[in-house]
Protein backbone atom coordinates (compact mmCIF):
# COMPACT_ATOMS: atom_id res chain seq x y z
CA MET A 1 10.38 33.88 -39.46
CA GLU A 2 11.68 35.61 -42.91
CA ASN A 3 10.92 38.98 -44.39
CA SER A 4 13.74 40.20 -46.12
CA ASP A 5 11.89 42.30 -48.47
CA ILE A 6 13.29 45.90 -47.74
CA ALA A 7 9.94 47.25 -49.14
CA GLY A 8 7.64 45.51 -47.24
CA LEU A 9 9.35 45.94 -44.17
CA ALA A 10 9.16 49.70 -44.92
CA GLU A 11 5.68 49.39 -45.25
CA VAL A 12 5.17 47.35 -41.98
CA ILE A 13 7.65 49.89 -40.12
CA GLU A 14 5.51 53.14 -41.44
CA LYS A 15 2.28 51.52 -40.55
CA HIS A 16 3.46 51.13 -36.68
CA LYS A 17 4.89 54.44 -36.66
CA ASN A 18 1.51 55.99 -37.74
CA LYS A 19 -0.35 54.10 -34.87
CA GLY A 20 0.56 57.04 -32.05
CA SER A 21 3.53 57.26 -30.18
CA LYS A 22 1.85 56.02 -26.89
CA GLU A 23 2.37 52.58 -28.24
CA HIS A 24 6.11 52.86 -28.06
CA ASP A 25 6.34 53.87 -24.64
CA ALA A 26 9.51 52.40 -23.32
CA ILE A 27 9.00 49.16 -21.40
CA VAL A 28 10.36 50.10 -17.56
CA ARG A 29 11.02 48.02 -14.20
CA ALA A 30 7.56 47.39 -12.89
CA SER A 31 8.26 46.01 -9.62
CA GLU A 32 11.33 44.75 -7.46
CA ASN A 33 8.41 42.08 -6.04
CA THR A 34 9.25 38.53 -6.36
CA ASP A 35 5.80 36.91 -5.54
CA ASN A 36 2.64 36.80 -7.60
CA LEU A 37 3.87 38.35 -10.67
CA PRO A 38 1.66 38.38 -13.77
CA LEU A 39 1.90 36.29 -16.50
CA SER A 40 1.94 37.26 -20.08
CA PHE A 41 -1.27 36.30 -22.41
CA SER A 42 1.00 33.65 -24.20
CA GLN A 43 2.19 32.14 -20.89
CA LYS A 44 -1.56 32.09 -19.55
CA ARG A 45 -2.49 30.08 -22.59
CA LEU A 46 0.67 27.46 -21.87
CA TRP A 47 -0.53 27.35 -18.12
CA PHE A 48 -3.90 26.47 -19.01
CA LEU A 49 -2.91 23.89 -21.58
CA ASP A 50 -0.59 22.15 -18.83
CA ARG A 51 -3.61 21.84 -16.42
CA LEU A 52 -5.64 20.17 -19.02
CA SER A 53 -3.02 18.12 -20.04
CA GLU A 54 -0.28 17.36 -17.18
CA LYS A 55 3.06 15.64 -18.11
CA SER A 56 2.71 16.37 -21.58
CA THR A 57 5.89 17.55 -23.61
CA GLN A 58 4.80 19.19 -26.68
CA TYR A 59 5.76 22.56 -25.12
CA ASN A 60 9.20 21.08 -24.65
CA LEU A 61 11.81 23.08 -26.50
CA TYR A 62 15.25 21.69 -27.12
CA THR A 63 18.66 21.66 -28.79
CA ALA A 64 21.79 19.52 -28.85
CA LEU A 65 25.17 20.85 -29.22
CA LYS A 66 28.25 18.84 -30.65
CA LEU A 67 31.32 20.14 -28.70
CA ARG A 68 34.65 19.01 -30.06
CA GLY A 69 37.77 20.09 -28.70
CA ASN A 70 39.22 20.48 -25.02
CA LEU A 71 36.16 21.35 -23.29
CA ASP A 72 36.35 22.97 -19.81
CA ARG A 73 33.38 21.83 -17.68
CA LYS A 74 34.01 23.99 -14.72
CA SER A 75 34.02 27.27 -17.32
CA LEU A 76 30.93 26.07 -18.90
CA GLN A 77 28.68 25.36 -15.61
CA LYS A 78 29.96 29.08 -14.47
CA SER A 79 28.59 30.36 -17.87
CA LEU A 80 25.18 28.86 -17.09
CA ASP A 81 24.98 29.83 -13.64
CA GLU A 82 25.73 33.58 -14.88
CA ILE A 83 22.97 33.26 -17.72
CA MET A 84 20.43 32.04 -15.07
CA ASP A 85 21.37 35.13 -12.66
CA ARG A 86 21.32 37.45 -15.51
CA HIS A 87 17.64 36.24 -16.79
CA ARG A 88 15.47 36.04 -13.99
CA ILE A 89 12.37 34.16 -16.06
CA LEU A 90 14.74 31.09 -16.09
CA LYS A 91 14.30 30.96 -12.03
CA MET A 92 10.56 31.29 -12.25
CA ALA A 93 7.80 28.90 -10.89
CA PHE A 94 4.24 29.10 -11.91
CA ARG A 95 1.27 28.41 -9.43
CA GLU A 96 -2.11 29.33 -8.75
CA GLU A 97 -3.17 32.33 -6.64
CA ASN A 98 -7.04 33.28 -5.92
CA GLY A 99 -8.04 31.41 -9.07
CA GLN A 100 -5.27 32.70 -11.22
CA PRO A 101 -1.69 31.75 -12.47
CA VAL A 102 1.30 33.83 -11.15
CA GLN A 103 4.74 33.16 -11.45
CA VAL A 104 7.19 33.47 -8.35
CA TYR A 105 11.11 34.16 -8.55
CA ASN A 106 13.24 31.68 -6.78
CA PRO A 107 16.77 33.27 -6.01
CA GLU A 108 18.00 29.92 -5.32
CA ALA A 109 16.99 28.12 -8.33
CA LYS A 110 20.59 26.34 -10.00
CA LEU A 111 20.80 24.69 -13.21
CA ASP A 112 23.06 21.84 -12.50
CA MET A 113 24.63 20.35 -15.56
CA VAL A 114 24.16 16.46 -15.59
CA PHE A 115 27.39 14.75 -16.57
CA VAL A 116 26.84 11.48 -18.43
CA ASP A 117 30.47 9.32 -19.41
CA LEU A 118 29.92 7.19 -22.29
CA ARG A 119 33.74 6.67 -22.73
CA GLN A 120 33.02 2.98 -21.58
CA VAL A 121 30.58 2.51 -24.24
CA PRO A 122 32.10 0.66 -27.61
CA GLU A 123 33.22 3.37 -29.95
CA GLU A 124 30.58 2.77 -32.67
CA GLU A 125 27.81 2.73 -30.07
CA ARG A 126 28.27 5.98 -28.38
CA GLU A 127 26.69 8.48 -30.56
CA ARG A 128 23.91 6.24 -31.13
CA GLN A 129 23.41 5.81 -27.30
CA ALA A 130 24.00 9.54 -27.10
CA LEU A 131 21.26 10.67 -29.13
CA GLU A 132 18.76 8.29 -27.28
CA ILE A 133 19.56 9.56 -23.98
CA ALA A 134 19.14 13.14 -25.75
CA ARG A 135 15.49 12.32 -27.14
CA LYS A 136 14.65 10.99 -23.57
CA GLU A 137 15.62 13.99 -21.97
CA ALA A 138 13.67 15.96 -24.71
CA ALA A 139 10.69 13.66 -23.92
CA LYS A 140 10.85 14.33 -20.26
CA PRO A 141 7.90 16.60 -18.62
CA PHE A 142 8.47 19.50 -16.72
CA GLU A 143 6.26 20.36 -13.60
CA LEU A 144 5.48 23.88 -13.57
CA GLY A 145 5.37 24.39 -10.07
CA LYS A 146 9.51 23.61 -9.79
CA ALA A 147 12.03 25.90 -10.73
CA PRO A 148 13.94 25.92 -12.97
CA LEU A 149 12.22 24.96 -15.84
CA LEU A 150 15.06 24.22 -17.57
CA ARG A 151 17.33 21.10 -17.64
CA ALA A 152 21.23 20.41 -19.18
CA SER A 153 23.12 17.30 -19.77
CA LEU A 154 26.81 16.98 -20.99
CA LEU A 155 27.38 13.64 -22.35
CA CYS A 156 30.76 12.59 -22.70
CA LEU A 157 31.85 10.68 -25.86
CA ASP A 158 35.89 11.27 -25.88
CA ASN A 159 38.08 13.07 -23.97
CA ASP A 160 37.83 15.96 -26.67
CA GLU A 161 34.12 15.21 -28.10
CA HIS A 162 30.86 16.26 -26.06
CA ILE A 163 27.27 16.57 -26.59
CA LEU A 164 25.28 19.39 -24.53
CA VAL A 165 21.32 18.80 -24.28
CA MET A 166 19.26 21.69 -23.12
CA VAL A 167 15.67 21.07 -22.51
CA VAL A 168 13.64 24.43 -21.51
CA HIS A 169 9.60 24.40 -20.98
CA HIS A 170 8.25 26.90 -23.98
CA ILE A 171 6.64 29.35 -21.20
CA VAL A 172 10.07 30.43 -20.11
CA PHE A 173 11.22 30.51 -23.54
CA ASP A 174 11.32 30.58 -27.29
CA GLY A 175 13.25 29.86 -30.48
CA TRP A 176 14.88 33.43 -30.36
CA SER A 177 15.80 32.67 -26.66
CA PHE A 178 18.11 29.88 -27.92
CA GLY A 179 20.22 32.41 -30.24
CA ILE A 180 20.32 34.79 -26.84
CA PHE A 181 21.33 31.96 -24.48
CA LEU A 182 24.23 30.26 -26.98
CA LYS A 183 25.41 33.90 -27.61
CA GLU A 184 25.91 34.81 -23.90
CA MET A 185 27.13 31.13 -22.85
CA THR A 186 30.46 31.30 -25.37
CA HIS A 187 30.94 34.71 -24.12
CA TYR A 188 31.01 33.66 -20.26
CA TYR A 189 32.54 30.53 -21.28
CA GLU A 190 35.55 32.14 -22.83
CA MET A 191 35.65 34.82 -20.06
CA PHE A 192 35.88 31.98 -17.45
CA ARG A 193 38.35 29.73 -19.19
CA SER A 194 40.81 32.68 -20.23
CA GLY A 195 40.37 34.80 -17.08
CA LYS A 196 40.12 37.73 -19.64
CA GLY A 197 36.90 39.92 -20.68
CA GLN A 198 33.70 41.37 -18.31
CA LYS A 199 30.59 40.42 -17.72
CA LEU A 200 27.69 41.40 -19.67
CA GLU A 201 25.96 44.80 -18.94
CA GLU A 202 22.90 44.30 -16.48
CA LEU A 203 19.65 44.08 -18.24
CA SER A 204 17.56 47.04 -17.84
CA ILE A 205 14.15 45.05 -17.78
CA GLN A 206 13.22 41.33 -17.58
CA TYR A 207 10.39 39.39 -18.73
CA THR A 208 7.71 40.30 -16.15
CA ASP A 209 8.21 43.95 -16.99
CA TYR A 210 7.29 42.90 -20.41
CA ALA A 211 4.10 41.04 -18.89
CA TYR A 212 2.91 44.29 -17.14
CA TRP A 213 3.66 46.51 -20.18
CA GLN A 214 1.68 44.33 -22.35
CA ALA A 215 -1.38 44.04 -20.07
CA LYS A 216 -1.14 47.96 -19.44
CA ARG A 217 -1.39 48.35 -23.39
CA PHE A 218 -4.57 46.36 -23.72
CA ASP A 219 -6.07 48.00 -20.64
CA GLU A 220 -5.74 51.71 -22.24
CA GLY A 221 -6.98 50.38 -25.71
CA LEU A 222 -3.63 50.65 -27.57
CA VAL A 223 -4.05 47.75 -29.35
CA ASN A 224 -7.76 48.02 -30.28
CA ASN A 225 -7.22 49.19 -33.78
CA GLN A 226 -5.34 45.83 -34.47
CA LEU A 227 -7.67 43.98 -32.75
CA GLU A 228 -10.41 45.30 -34.97
CA TYR A 229 -8.34 44.36 -38.04
CA TRP A 230 -8.07 40.68 -37.07
CA LYS A 231 -11.92 40.61 -35.97
CA ASN A 232 -12.64 41.51 -39.82
CA LYS A 233 -10.09 39.18 -41.15
CA LEU A 234 -11.49 36.19 -39.50
CA SER A 235 -15.19 37.26 -39.41
CA GLY A 236 -17.79 34.73 -40.16
CA ASP A 237 -17.21 30.95 -39.80
CA ILE A 238 -13.64 29.99 -39.64
CA PRO A 239 -13.28 26.83 -41.82
CA VAL A 240 -11.71 23.81 -40.31
CA LEU A 241 -9.06 22.25 -42.87
CA ASP A 242 -10.34 19.00 -43.75
CA LEU A 243 -6.86 17.12 -44.53
CA PRO A 244 -7.62 13.45 -45.94
CA LEU A 245 -6.59 11.58 -42.69
CA ASP A 246 -5.56 8.25 -42.39
CA LYS A 247 -7.08 7.34 -38.92
CA GLN A 248 -10.24 8.65 -37.14
CA ARG A 249 -9.37 11.89 -35.16
CA PRO A 250 -9.68 10.90 -31.26
CA ALA A 251 -12.21 12.89 -29.33
CA ILE A 252 -9.54 14.53 -27.24
CA GLN A 253 -6.60 16.05 -28.96
CA THR A 254 -3.27 14.09 -28.72
CA TYR A 255 0.36 15.05 -29.23
CA ASN A 256 2.06 12.24 -30.48
CA GLY A 257 4.03 13.12 -33.56
CA ALA A 258 7.18 12.28 -35.87
CA LYS A 259 9.04 14.49 -38.06
CA PHE A 260 10.00 13.52 -41.72
CA THR A 261 12.58 15.59 -43.54
CA ALA A 262 13.21 16.48 -47.02
CA SER A 263 15.40 18.43 -49.19
CA ILE A 264 14.73 21.58 -51.46
CA PRO A 265 18.15 21.85 -53.71
CA SER A 266 20.13 24.98 -54.07
CA ASP A 267 19.18 25.68 -57.71
CA LEU A 268 15.37 25.50 -57.05
CA VAL A 269 15.76 27.89 -54.00
CA LYS A 270 17.80 30.28 -56.21
CA LYS A 271 14.57 30.31 -58.61
CA LEU A 272 12.26 30.54 -56.07
CA LYS A 273 13.80 33.85 -54.83
CA LYS A 274 14.17 35.33 -58.22
CA LEU A 275 10.41 34.70 -58.52
CA ALA A 276 10.09 36.37 -55.08
CA GLY A 277 12.26 39.25 -56.16
CA LYS A 278 10.29 39.72 -59.36
CA GLU A 279 7.04 39.84 -57.71
CA LYS A 280 8.47 42.04 -54.76
CA SER A 281 7.74 39.26 -52.37
CA THR A 282 9.92 37.42 -49.74
CA LEU A 283 10.84 33.63 -49.89
CA PHE A 284 8.61 33.34 -47.00
CA MET A 285 5.68 34.38 -49.14
CA VAL A 286 6.32 32.42 -52.02
CA LEU A 287 6.65 28.79 -50.02
CA LEU A 288 3.83 29.68 -47.89
CA ALA A 289 1.66 30.53 -51.17
CA ALA A 290 2.87 27.31 -52.40
CA PHE A 291 1.77 25.36 -49.23
CA LYS A 292 -1.34 26.94 -49.45
CA ALA A 293 -1.81 25.63 -53.02
CA LEU A 294 -0.79 22.17 -52.09
CA LEU A 295 -3.20 22.24 -49.06
CA TYR A 296 -5.94 23.34 -51.51
CA ARG A 297 -5.27 20.39 -54.08
CA TYR A 298 -5.21 18.07 -50.96
CA THR A 299 -8.62 19.48 -49.55
CA GLY A 300 -10.39 21.39 -52.36
CA GLN A 301 -11.31 23.99 -49.86
CA GLU A 302 -11.37 27.54 -51.06
CA ASP A 303 -11.03 29.21 -47.84
CA ILE A 304 -7.66 28.03 -46.21
CA VAL A 305 -6.33 29.06 -42.75
CA VAL A 306 -2.83 28.38 -41.94
CA GLY A 307 -0.84 29.53 -38.57
CA THR A 308 2.58 30.97 -38.75
CA PRO A 309 4.84 32.16 -35.57
CA ILE A 310 6.45 35.48 -35.51
CA ALA A 311 9.10 36.09 -33.32
CA ASN A 312 7.50 39.13 -32.05
CA ARG A 313 10.72 41.15 -30.97
CA ASN A 314 9.90 44.36 -32.67
CA ARG A 315 11.25 46.54 -29.69
CA LYS A 316 15.08 47.09 -29.00
CA ASP A 317 14.37 46.72 -25.31
CA ILE A 318 13.31 42.87 -25.67
CA GLU A 319 15.80 41.90 -28.54
CA ASN A 320 18.38 40.77 -25.86
CA LEU A 321 15.83 38.88 -23.44
CA ILE A 322 15.23 35.67 -22.67
CA GLY A 323 11.64 34.56 -22.47
CA PHE A 324 8.49 33.58 -24.26
CA PHE A 325 7.64 36.53 -26.84
CA THR A 326 6.77 34.36 -29.94
CA ASN A 327 3.43 35.01 -31.26
CA ASN A 328 1.16 32.82 -33.94
CA LEU A 329 -0.41 35.15 -36.80
CA VAL A 330 -3.41 33.65 -38.48
CA MET A 331 -3.24 33.31 -42.52
CA ARG A 332 -6.58 33.44 -44.03
CA THR A 333 -6.47 33.00 -47.92
CA ARG A 334 -9.32 32.83 -50.13
CA PHE A 335 -8.84 31.37 -53.66
CA SER A 336 -9.99 28.74 -56.15
CA GLY A 337 -8.27 26.12 -58.52
CA LYS A 338 -8.84 28.79 -61.16
CA THR A 339 -6.58 31.42 -59.43
CA SER A 340 -3.33 31.93 -61.25
CA PHE A 341 -0.29 31.04 -58.49
CA LEU A 342 0.78 34.84 -59.47
CA GLU A 343 -2.52 35.89 -57.95
CA LEU A 344 -2.29 33.87 -55.00
CA LEU A 345 1.11 34.97 -54.23
CA ARG A 346 0.10 38.75 -54.38
CA GLN A 347 -2.80 37.85 -52.19
CA VAL A 348 -0.75 35.99 -49.64
CA ARG A 349 1.88 39.02 -49.76
CA ARG A 350 -0.92 41.50 -48.89
CA THR A 351 -2.15 39.14 -46.06
CA THR A 352 1.48 38.77 -44.58
CA LEU A 353 2.30 42.49 -44.70
CA ASP A 354 -0.86 43.15 -42.87
CA ALA A 355 -0.62 40.54 -40.54
CA TYR A 356 3.01 41.87 -39.50
CA SER A 357 1.53 45.18 -39.01
CA ASN A 358 -0.92 43.89 -36.56
CA GLN A 359 1.41 41.34 -35.04
CA ASP A 360 1.11 42.75 -31.41
CA VAL A 361 -2.44 41.19 -30.86
CA PRO A 362 -1.52 37.76 -28.83
CA PHE A 363 -3.05 34.79 -30.38
CA GLU A 364 -4.27 34.06 -26.86
CA LYS A 365 -6.22 37.13 -26.76
CA LEU A 366 -7.65 37.07 -30.41
CA VAL A 367 -8.87 33.35 -29.45
CA GLU A 368 -10.93 35.04 -26.33
CA GLU A 369 -11.96 37.79 -28.31
CA LEU A 370 -13.63 35.85 -31.22
CA HIS A 371 -15.37 33.68 -28.75
CA VAL A 372 -14.15 30.78 -30.31
CA GLU A 373 -16.13 27.49 -29.53
CA ARG A 374 -13.67 25.14 -27.92
CA ASP A 375 -13.22 21.86 -29.68
CA MET A 376 -11.14 19.31 -27.40
CA SER A 377 -10.24 17.47 -30.78
CA ARG A 378 -7.96 20.18 -32.23
CA ASN A 379 -6.34 23.40 -32.21
CA PRO A 380 -8.35 26.49 -32.56
CA LEU A 381 -8.19 28.78 -35.41
CA PHE A 382 -5.98 26.78 -37.19
CA GLN A 383 -4.74 23.00 -37.39
CA VAL A 384 -1.55 23.47 -39.72
CA LEU A 385 1.42 25.20 -39.09
CA PHE A 386 4.11 26.92 -41.52
CA SER A 387 7.45 28.34 -40.64
CA LEU A 388 10.71 29.51 -42.50
CA GLN A 389 13.39 29.52 -39.81
CA ASN A 390 16.25 32.04 -41.01
CA THR A 391 17.52 33.23 -37.76
CA HIS A 392 21.18 32.50 -37.53
CA ILE A 393 22.53 31.02 -34.54
CA SER A 394 26.31 31.67 -34.17
CA LEU A 395 28.22 29.04 -32.55
CA GLU A 396 31.66 30.64 -33.56
CA GLY A 397 32.22 32.31 -30.01
CA PHE A 398 34.35 29.42 -28.68
CA SER A 399 38.15 29.88 -29.41
CA GLU A 400 39.11 26.18 -28.74
CA ILE A 401 35.68 24.66 -29.39
CA ASN A 402 33.98 23.39 -32.83
CA ALA A 403 30.46 23.58 -32.06
CA SER A 404 27.74 22.30 -34.24
CA ILE A 405 23.67 21.70 -33.78
CA ILE A 406 22.68 18.15 -33.73
CA GLY A 407 18.92 17.35 -34.65
CA ILE A 408 16.86 15.48 -32.07
CA ASP A 409 13.06 14.37 -32.06
CA ASN A 410 11.08 14.10 -28.87
CA GLY A 411 8.31 12.17 -30.49
CA SER A 412 5.45 15.17 -30.11
CA ALA A 413 3.44 17.19 -32.36
CA ARG A 414 1.53 20.64 -31.44
CA PHE A 415 -0.77 20.71 -34.49
CA ASP A 416 -2.17 18.15 -37.06
CA LEU A 417 0.72 19.13 -39.34
CA ALA A 418 3.43 21.74 -39.20
CA LEU A 419 5.88 22.20 -41.96
CA ASP A 420 9.10 24.12 -40.75
CA ILE A 421 11.43 25.30 -43.17
CA ARG A 422 15.02 26.11 -42.53
CA GLU A 423 18.11 26.73 -44.05
CA ALA A 424 20.97 24.38 -44.89
CA GLY A 425 23.65 25.70 -46.74
CA ASP A 426 22.99 27.06 -50.19
CA GLY A 427 19.62 24.69 -49.92
CA LEU A 428 16.70 24.24 -47.44
CA LYS A 429 15.43 21.37 -45.20
CA ALA A 430 11.67 20.95 -44.77
CA ASP A 431 10.78 19.25 -41.81
CA PHE A 432 7.12 17.87 -42.07
CA GLU A 433 5.94 17.28 -38.29
CA TYR A 434 2.95 15.51 -38.03
CA ASN A 435 0.42 14.00 -35.27
CA THR A 436 0.80 10.20 -35.72
CA ASP A 437 -2.76 9.38 -34.51
CA LEU A 438 -3.67 11.00 -37.60
CA LEU A 439 -1.22 10.54 -40.35
CA ASN A 440 1.15 7.55 -41.33
CA GLN A 441 4.60 8.38 -42.46
CA ASP A 442 3.68 7.23 -45.96
CA THR A 443 1.14 9.79 -46.41
CA ILE A 444 3.73 12.86 -45.28
CA LYS A 445 6.38 11.29 -47.25
CA ARG A 446 4.14 11.37 -50.80
CA MET A 447 2.99 15.19 -49.35
CA ALA A 448 6.63 16.03 -49.12
CA GLY A 449 7.30 14.92 -52.85
CA HIS A 450 4.12 16.80 -54.05
CA TYR A 451 5.29 19.80 -52.59
CA ARG A 452 8.79 19.67 -53.99
CA GLN A 453 7.06 19.03 -57.44
CA LEU A 454 4.80 21.84 -56.66
CA LEU A 455 7.79 24.22 -56.26
CA ASP A 456 9.24 22.74 -59.43
CA SER A 457 6.19 23.43 -61.50
CA ILE A 458 5.61 26.95 -59.76
CA VAL A 459 9.00 28.23 -61.10
CA GLN A 460 8.66 26.68 -64.41
CA SER A 461 5.09 28.32 -64.91
CA PRO A 462 3.84 31.04 -62.32
CA GLU A 463 1.27 32.29 -64.26
CA LYS A 464 -0.62 29.05 -64.23
CA GLU A 465 -3.68 28.48 -62.69
CA VAL A 466 -3.62 26.28 -59.22
CA ASP A 467 -5.40 23.30 -60.61
CA MET A 468 -3.02 23.12 -63.62
CA LEU A 469 0.19 22.94 -61.97
CA SER A 470 1.59 19.58 -61.45
CA ILE A 471 2.26 18.02 -58.27
CA LEU A 472 2.95 14.48 -58.99
CA THR A 473 6.21 13.04 -58.73
CA ARG A 474 8.25 11.60 -61.65
CA GLU A 475 7.80 7.93 -59.92
CA GLU A 476 4.17 8.64 -59.58
CA LYS A 477 3.89 9.48 -63.09
CA THR A 478 5.83 6.32 -64.35
CA THR A 479 3.57 4.04 -61.94
CA MET A 480 0.44 5.56 -63.42
CA LEU A 481 1.41 5.49 -67.07
CA ASN A 482 3.31 2.56 -67.27
CA THR A 483 2.69 0.21 -64.09
CA TRP A 484 -1.15 0.64 -63.97
CA ASN A 485 -1.60 0.30 -67.66
CA SER A 486 0.39 -2.83 -68.08
CA THR A 487 -2.53 -5.29 -68.10
CA GLU A 488 -1.14 -8.03 -70.33
CA VAL A 489 -1.55 -11.57 -68.95
CA ASP A 490 0.09 -14.48 -70.63
CA TYR A 491 -2.59 -17.29 -71.35
CA GLY A 492 -0.58 -19.63 -73.12
CA ASP A 493 -1.68 -20.99 -76.70
CA ILE A 494 -5.50 -19.72 -76.36
CA PRO A 495 -5.63 -17.37 -79.35
CA CYS A 496 -8.51 -14.79 -78.30
CA TRP A 497 -10.52 -14.26 -75.12
CA THR A 498 -13.70 -16.38 -76.36
CA LYS A 499 -11.61 -19.56 -76.47
CA LEU A 500 -10.35 -18.67 -72.86
CA PHE A 501 -14.24 -18.21 -71.84
CA GLU A 502 -14.79 -21.52 -73.37
CA GLU A 503 -12.29 -23.10 -71.28
CA GLN A 504 -13.78 -21.62 -68.14
CA VAL A 505 -17.59 -22.92 -69.19
CA LYS A 506 -15.43 -26.49 -69.44
CA LYS A 507 -13.96 -26.06 -66.38
CA LYS A 508 -16.56 -24.33 -63.87
CA PRO A 509 -19.83 -24.39 -65.50
CA HIS A 510 -21.86 -23.99 -62.32
CA ARG A 511 -19.79 -20.89 -61.09
CA VAL A 512 -21.38 -17.53 -61.24
CA ALA A 513 -20.15 -15.39 -64.41
CA VAL A 514 -22.29 -12.25 -64.26
CA ARG A 515 -24.53 -10.86 -61.41
CA ASP A 516 -26.84 -7.72 -61.27
CA LYS A 517 -29.54 -6.64 -58.40
CA GLU A 518 -31.99 -8.89 -60.12
CA ARG A 519 -30.53 -12.09 -60.99
CA CYS A 520 -27.19 -13.76 -61.87
CA LEU A 521 -26.20 -16.37 -64.53
CA THR A 522 -23.46 -19.28 -64.51
CA TYR A 523 -21.05 -19.68 -66.85
CA ALA A 524 -22.81 -22.56 -68.49
CA GLU A 525 -26.05 -20.29 -68.58
CA LEU A 526 -23.90 -17.23 -70.00
CA ASN A 527 -22.49 -19.51 -72.75
CA SER A 528 -26.27 -20.81 -73.74
CA SER A 529 -27.64 -17.26 -74.10
CA ALA A 530 -24.46 -16.36 -76.04
CA ASN A 531 -24.80 -19.08 -78.52
CA ARG A 532 -28.46 -18.50 -79.00
CA LEU A 533 -27.67 -14.66 -79.65
CA ALA A 534 -25.08 -15.95 -82.19
CA ASN A 535 -27.26 -18.43 -83.88
CA TYR A 536 -29.97 -15.59 -84.25
CA LEU A 537 -27.72 -13.03 -85.84
CA ILE A 538 -26.32 -15.72 -88.29
CA SER A 539 -29.92 -16.55 -89.24
CA LYS A 540 -30.17 -12.80 -89.86
CA GLY A 541 -27.24 -12.73 -92.41
CA VAL A 542 -24.72 -11.35 -90.19
CA VAL A 543 -21.11 -12.12 -90.88
CA LEU A 544 -17.96 -12.03 -89.21
CA LYS A 545 -16.54 -8.23 -89.12
CA GLN A 546 -19.73 -6.84 -90.31
């Protein structure tokens, strides 16, 4: 989640300070008990979703690291063991007790890294096979009752080239946690490999302490003001975004998905950042406003609701804790085609800052409090997600290993459509993840082109009304102006269309030429009527070109 606007951040922080000191009591160790521990609100939602759709993989998180250099497998395994011991959430299993989900600590749970040797495979085939193995691992479901909910595989392509694949269930992990995990993994790897360095300082709290603290805050009414904000913001009927789908929506939501990636070049990104700075906004706000404008152009709806994830790490004591902290914020914007983009951006800015300052209400609690009627065919409150990932994951801790992240796709989608934009050098990559039971790749490819063109139009004329901003790509304009208007047909020596008609009369006199609701005429009948009309006009003195 991106928010680099200093003034905006100051505004958000100041609002949090004014909410009262009780909200910022330190999280403390709640209990040393290892059985029947409470779940956070976010964990409860994933537990119930898993019960509804067992063996689903939409909440699998995964990454793949290419490791080049002299890798010490034993040191790597030891580093994984240390992280497992350090973060108790990684040894949790989930079960039901008296009708309620609980998590249970399993101290003996181990993460045994699976080694797959591909050196006997032809060299040109190794990476393809490795990526296929990684994809299958990412698409393999977890059983929440069995710890650990984390898998690791080390694929050996050559003596100095490996791919480390990690797959973990979202109920114990989030995107921020990957950064913590990799940072600690490199620290411990170098410590074991070199025999130098010290273990990291013991964590003062664990994720279950956060779950206790979160529930306590709600019980004491410390989040009531924030909850009221969301109830007002989302009052009335929440609109369902009516995207033009390629296929009929199934009665029960499916999670089959695919991903299409488009590029946003560095020169365009510079212009977008310049616009953001001028309007006291952030790049995230500009990109979100543009996405909302695109959704309006696709649907014609003037009340657009989009979800966006936030790290929810706004406390120092949970910054270095692995676990599921991410929250989804509901961004609702009302505007019309007559609204200028600058006006839309300002509205999105206000909505975003307000949402940040009220981020402590879990999405799951919001759904419960709003009494949202459950529709089994779609997600509650929003069906489209937008995010900008700018959290830098450091892979520079290895001294003898060069590490880089490889993209893999497990073939699932949690929403109808999710646009995830991430940094790529000086430019951006836009990942369009879509439900393949609703949308085709050609549709998403066109949408990606329209989004890129819309961004170009915005930086050129941000004062224009949303309806007036161009979304057609150069290829689409060429097709419309040239290809579709190229209607010439070579009819040989026939000088004009009347001669062509007479030729058709001779060839097929009894074929139907014209038809209306009442009757139809053959070519012979139409020709006869045309001749009678011509003779009548001549008799009245009408001449050629008159």
